[in-house]
Amino acid sequence: MDQEMFETYIKNRMDEEGEFNFRCTECGECCRDRKDILLTPYDLDRMSRYLKIRREEIIKQYCVVYIGETSHLPIIAVRMDGVPCPFLKNKRCSVQECKPSVCALYPLGRTVLYNKDPDESGADACKIQYFLQPVCCGARDERHTVKEWMAGYHMEDGDAWFFKWQETLILLVEKMNDLIPRLSAGILDELYTALLTGLYLGYDDDRDFLDQFTENTHKIILMLELLKQIDSLGKSDHHT
């Protein structure tokens, strides 16, 4: 979270019962000139199931994939190319029922707070909080709670997913930053492909998404630990 977003969060934070005033006037301004419409695995899963389009096809038609400079993880962003969002049709979102979380939340943002000193039961060790972003579009003649707003976009599982995703990112970024200097360019390319498949593509529509994400993440972590062990053994043999 950058300094500007942090200051906005502190000023406008709220929990799921918090209230805010906003009504979309379908101006389409929040769908233009954006570089931050990133799809999480949860977003891609919801879109694939609702649109009945393979995840790979959604990425091919509407997205760009790149490796994060600091996370070293695959990132999927909606392709803008200096034009409005490809899902924007006649100033309306053509994927309204399954739009990306960052779009469904708008004008809200959210973050995970970690309590360094939770009580003995572990309660409040971490929690999700929301904040109202500074926006200049829309009207202010409708009042909503955060919980109602989320339910309106069929994101009832969104908080459970968001926490799981943030927790996973922290773990994977730590492991990747430790592993990157150890691997050759060729191995890295293969690793990035495996991460893209495991995090975003390797799902069965007949099974629960969160269960599969947990399984896939576990396999990824085991793979990263194995790569580290192989590197350590190789260096040990070299010195021997």
Protein backbone atom coordinates (compact mmCIF):
# COMPACT_ATOMS: atom_id res chain seq x y z
CA MET A 1 0.00 0.00 0.00
CA ASP A 2 1.59 3.32 -1.06
CA GLN A 3 1.56 6.45 1.14
CA GLU A 4 -1.36 8.11 -0.66
CA MET A 5 -3.53 5.00 -0.40
CA PHE A 6 -2.53 4.54 3.24
CA GLU A 7 -3.61 8.09 4.11
CA THR A 8 -6.89 7.54 2.25
CA TYR A 9 -7.44 4.31 4.15
CA ILE A 10 -6.80 5.89 7.56
CA LYS A 11 -9.23 8.70 6.80
CA ASN A 12 -12.04 6.62 5.29
CA ARG A 13 -11.74 3.13 6.81
CA MET A 14 -14.81 1.05 7.73
CA ASP A 15 -15.85 -2.54 8.42
CA GLU A 16 -18.50 -4.53 6.53
CA GLU A 17 -21.30 -2.74 8.41
CA GLY A 18 -19.88 0.65 7.47
CA GLU A 19 -22.01 2.92 5.29
CA PHE A 20 -21.19 5.11 2.32
CA ASN A 21 -23.04 7.15 -0.31
CA PHE A 22 -22.62 6.27 -3.98
CA ARG A 23 -24.64 5.56 -7.12
CA CYS A 24 -23.12 4.59 -10.46
CA THR A 25 -24.35 6.92 -13.21
CA GLU A 26 -22.90 4.73 -15.98
CA CYS A 27 -20.51 7.42 -17.20
CA GLY A 28 -17.82 4.80 -17.85
CA GLU A 29 -15.05 7.00 -16.46
CA CYS A 30 -13.80 4.39 -13.98
CA CYS A 31 -13.34 1.97 -16.90
CA ARG A 32 -10.99 4.19 -18.90
CA ASP A 33 -7.22 4.73 -18.84
CA ARG A 34 -6.71 2.17 -16.09
CA LYS A 35 -3.55 0.15 -15.54
CA ASP A 36 -4.62 -1.45 -12.29
CA ILE A 37 -7.46 -3.80 -13.25
CA LEU A 38 -5.73 -6.97 -12.14
CA LEU A 39 -7.46 -10.34 -12.16
CA THR A 40 -6.96 -12.64 -9.21
CA PRO A 41 -7.42 -16.39 -9.63
CA TYR A 42 -10.84 -15.94 -7.96
CA ASP A 43 -11.83 -13.30 -10.54
CA LEU A 44 -10.74 -15.48 -13.42
CA ASP A 45 -12.63 -18.45 -11.98
CA ARG A 46 -15.86 -16.46 -11.56
CA MET A 47 -15.62 -15.06 -15.09
CA SER A 48 -14.86 -18.45 -16.62
CA ARG A 49 -17.76 -20.18 -14.88
CA TYR A 50 -20.26 -17.40 -15.60
CA LEU A 51 -19.28 -16.76 -19.22
CA LYS A 52 -18.61 -20.44 -19.89
CA ILE A 53 -15.29 -19.55 -21.48
CA ARG A 54 -12.00 -21.32 -20.71
CA ARG A 55 -9.65 -19.37 -18.48
CA GLU A 56 -6.94 -19.52 -21.13
CA GLU A 57 -9.31 -17.95 -23.68
CA ILE A 58 -10.23 -15.07 -21.37
CA ILE A 59 -6.54 -14.30 -20.89
CA LYS A 60 -5.84 -14.55 -24.62
CA GLN A 61 -8.71 -12.28 -25.65
CA TYR A 62 -8.80 -9.68 -22.91
CA CYS A 63 -5.64 -9.69 -20.82
CA VAL A 64 -1.89 -9.25 -20.66
CA VAL A 65 0.37 -11.42 -18.51
CA TYR A 66 3.65 -10.22 -17.02
CA ILE A 67 5.96 -11.01 -14.11
CA GLY A 68 5.81 -8.61 -11.19
CA GLU A 69 9.05 -6.70 -10.65
CA THR A 70 9.01 -7.15 -6.88
CA SER A 71 6.75 -10.18 -6.41
CA HIS A 72 8.31 -12.28 -9.21
CA LEU A 73 4.87 -13.82 -9.65
CA PRO A 74 2.68 -13.89 -12.78
CA ILE A 75 0.26 -10.96 -12.93
CA ILE A 76 -2.82 -10.87 -15.15
CA ALA A 77 -4.16 -7.44 -16.07
CA VAL A 78 -7.12 -6.46 -18.25
CA ARG A 79 -5.69 -5.21 -21.54
CA MET A 80 -6.37 -1.47 -22.00
CA ASP A 81 -3.80 -0.32 -24.61
CA GLY A 82 -4.85 3.31 -24.22
CA VAL A 83 -8.53 2.51 -24.85
CA PRO A 84 -11.50 1.80 -22.54
CA CYS A 85 -11.81 -1.60 -20.88
CA PRO A 86 -12.64 -4.28 -23.48
CA PHE A 87 -15.59 -5.32 -21.32
CA LEU A 88 -17.14 -1.84 -21.53
CA LYS A 89 -19.98 -1.83 -24.07
CA ASN A 90 -22.13 1.30 -24.58
CA LYS A 91 -20.92 2.65 -21.23
CA ARG A 92 -22.05 -0.49 -19.44
CA CYS A 93 -20.03 -3.40 -18.10
CA SER A 94 -20.71 -6.46 -20.24
CA VAL A 95 -19.50 -8.73 -17.41
CA GLN A 96 -21.45 -6.99 -14.66
CA GLU A 97 -22.43 -10.24 -12.92
CA CYS A 98 -18.85 -11.50 -12.73
CA LYS A 99 -16.75 -8.35 -12.99
CA PRO A 100 -13.26 -8.30 -11.42
CA SER A 101 -13.23 -7.74 -7.66
CA VAL A 102 -11.46 -4.40 -7.92
CA CYS A 103 -14.27 -3.19 -10.20
CA ALA A 104 -17.09 -4.68 -8.14
CA LEU A 105 -15.72 -3.05 -4.99
CA TYR A 106 -15.45 0.41 -6.55
CA PRO A 107 -15.66 3.02 -5.01
CA LEU A 108 -14.32 0.93 -2.14
CA GLY A 109 -10.88 -0.50 -1.57
CA ARG A 110 -9.86 -3.11 1.00
CA THR A 111 -6.83 -4.31 2.87
CA VAL A 112 -5.84 -6.90 5.47
CA LEU A 113 -4.72 -5.67 8.88
CA TYR A 114 -2.40 -7.89 10.89
CA ASN A 115 -2.43 -7.49 14.68
CA LYS A 116 1.05 -8.04 16.10
CA ASP A 117 -0.41 -8.60 19.59
CA PRO A 118 -3.56 -10.76 19.31
CA ASP A 119 -5.14 -12.20 22.45
CA GLU A 120 -4.41 -15.75 23.58
CA SER A 121 -7.26 -17.19 21.52
CA GLY A 122 -5.78 -15.70 18.37
CA ALA A 123 -8.87 -13.57 17.83
CA ASP A 124 -8.34 -10.46 15.76
CA ALA A 125 -4.90 -11.68 14.66
CA CYS A 126 -5.91 -10.30 11.30
CA LYS A 127 -9.00 -8.78 9.75
CA ILE A 128 -10.18 -7.20 6.53
CA GLN A 129 -11.05 -3.52 6.51
CA TYR A 130 -12.47 -1.38 3.75
CA PHE A 131 -11.97 2.23 2.83
CA LEU A 132 -13.78 4.68 0.58
CA GLN A 133 -11.62 5.80 -2.31
CA PRO A 134 -11.53 9.45 -3.41
CA VAL A 135 -13.68 9.36 -6.57
CA CYS A 136 -15.07 12.15 -8.71
CA CYS A 137 -17.65 10.16 -10.70
CA GLY A 138 -21.09 8.88 -9.79
CA ALA A 139 -23.79 10.40 -7.58
CA ARG A 140 -24.09 10.47 -3.78
CA ASP A 141 -27.84 9.96 -3.43
CA GLU A 142 -27.81 6.26 -2.48
CA ARG A 143 -26.65 4.85 0.85
CA HIS A 144 -25.14 1.38 1.13
CA THR A 145 -23.39 -0.80 3.65
CA VAL A 146 -20.21 -2.57 2.59
CA LYS A 147 -21.86 -5.95 3.20
CA GLU A 148 -24.85 -5.06 1.00
CA TRP A 149 -22.56 -3.74 -1.75
CA MET A 150 -20.55 -6.97 -1.80
CA ALA A 151 -23.68 -9.14 -1.89
CA GLY A 152 -25.02 -7.11 -4.81
CA TYR A 153 -22.14 -8.38 -6.93
CA HIS A 154 -22.42 -12.00 -5.73
CA MET A 155 -19.14 -11.71 -3.84
CA GLU A 156 -20.29 -13.30 -0.58
CA ASP A 157 -17.12 -15.41 -0.58
CA GLY A 158 -15.00 -12.44 -1.52
CA ASP A 159 -13.63 -11.70 1.95
CA ALA A 160 -12.66 -15.33 2.61
CA TRP A 161 -10.93 -15.41 -0.73
CA PHE A 162 -9.22 -12.02 -0.31
CA PHE A 163 -7.70 -13.01 3.00
CA LYS A 164 -6.54 -16.35 1.58
CA TRP A 165 -5.05 -14.59 -1.46
CA GLN A 166 -3.17 -11.99 0.60
CA GLU A 167 -1.84 -14.68 2.93
CA THR A 168 -0.69 -16.73 -0.06
CA LEU A 169 0.96 -13.76 -1.76
CA ILE A 170 3.00 -12.92 1.33
CA LEU A 171 4.28 -16.49 1.53
CA LEU A 172 4.99 -16.90 -2.20
CA VAL A 173 6.72 -13.52 -2.55
CA GLU A 174 9.03 -14.37 0.35
CA LYS A 175 9.92 -17.74 -1.17
CA MET A 176 10.35 -16.34 -4.69
CA ASN A 177 12.62 -13.52 -3.58
CA ASP A 178 14.80 -16.09 -1.82
CA LEU A 179 14.80 -18.44 -4.82
CA ILE A 180 15.24 -16.06 -7.78
CA PRO A 181 19.03 -15.51 -7.40
CA ARG A 182 19.57 -19.28 -7.32
CA LEU A 183 17.94 -20.21 -10.64
CA SER A 184 19.01 -19.99 -14.26
CA ALA A 185 16.94 -18.09 -16.83
CA GLY A 186 15.69 -21.34 -18.34
CA ILE A 187 14.54 -22.77 -15.03
CA LEU A 188 12.89 -19.46 -14.17
CA ASP A 189 10.86 -19.50 -17.39
CA GLU A 190 9.63 -23.00 -16.57
CA LEU A 191 8.85 -21.91 -13.02
CA TYR A 192 6.82 -18.90 -14.18
CA THR A 193 4.79 -21.18 -16.46
CA ALA A 194 4.15 -23.58 -13.56
CA LEU A 195 3.08 -20.69 -11.32
CA LEU A 196 0.69 -19.32 -13.95
CA THR A 197 -0.87 -22.76 -14.37
CA GLY A 198 -1.06 -23.57 -10.67
CA LEU A 199 -2.40 -20.21 -9.51
CA TYR A 200 -4.72 -19.27 -12.36
CA LEU A 201 -5.51 -22.12 -14.74
CA GLY A 202 -5.47 -25.50 -13.03
CA TYR A 203 -9.08 -25.77 -11.87
CA ASP A 204 -12.00 -28.14 -12.39
CA ASP A 205 -15.36 -26.37 -12.71
CA ASP A 206 -17.07 -29.29 -10.99
CA ARG A 207 -15.16 -28.68 -7.76
CA ASP A 208 -15.08 -25.86 -5.22
CA PHE A 209 -12.61 -23.17 -6.24
CA LEU A 210 -11.21 -22.34 -2.78
CA ASP A 211 -10.50 -26.01 -2.05
CA GLN A 212 -8.64 -26.35 -5.32
CA PHE A 213 -6.72 -23.11 -4.77
CA THR A 214 -5.53 -24.42 -1.39
CA GLU A 215 -4.41 -27.69 -2.99
CA ASN A 216 -2.65 -25.90 -5.87
CA THR A 217 -0.90 -23.51 -3.51
CA HIS A 218 0.34 -26.40 -1.38
CA LYS A 219 1.83 -28.06 -4.49
CA ILE A 220 3.49 -24.78 -5.53
CA ILE A 221 5.08 -24.33 -2.11
CA LEU A 222 6.40 -27.89 -2.18
CA MET A 223 7.84 -27.24 -5.65
CA LEU A 224 9.59 -24.05 -4.51
CA GLU A 225 11.03 -25.79 -1.46
CA LEU A 226 12.25 -28.66 -3.65
CA LEU A 227 13.97 -26.24 -6.03
CA LYS A 228 15.71 -24.61 -3.08
CA GLN A 229 16.85 -28.00 -1.76
CA ILE A 230 18.20 -29.00 -5.18
CA ASP A 231 20.12 -25.74 -5.42
CA SER A 232 21.56 -26.21 -1.91
CA LEU A 233 22.61 -29.78 -2.68
CA GLY A 234 24.24 -28.66 -5.92
CA LYS A 235 26.29 -26.02 -4.12
CA SER A 236 27.23 -28.52 -1.41
CA ASP A 237 28.45 -31.02 -4.02
CA HIS A 238 30.39 -28.27 -5.81
CA HIS A 239 32.24 -27.24 -2.65
CA THR A 240 32.91 -30.87 -1.81
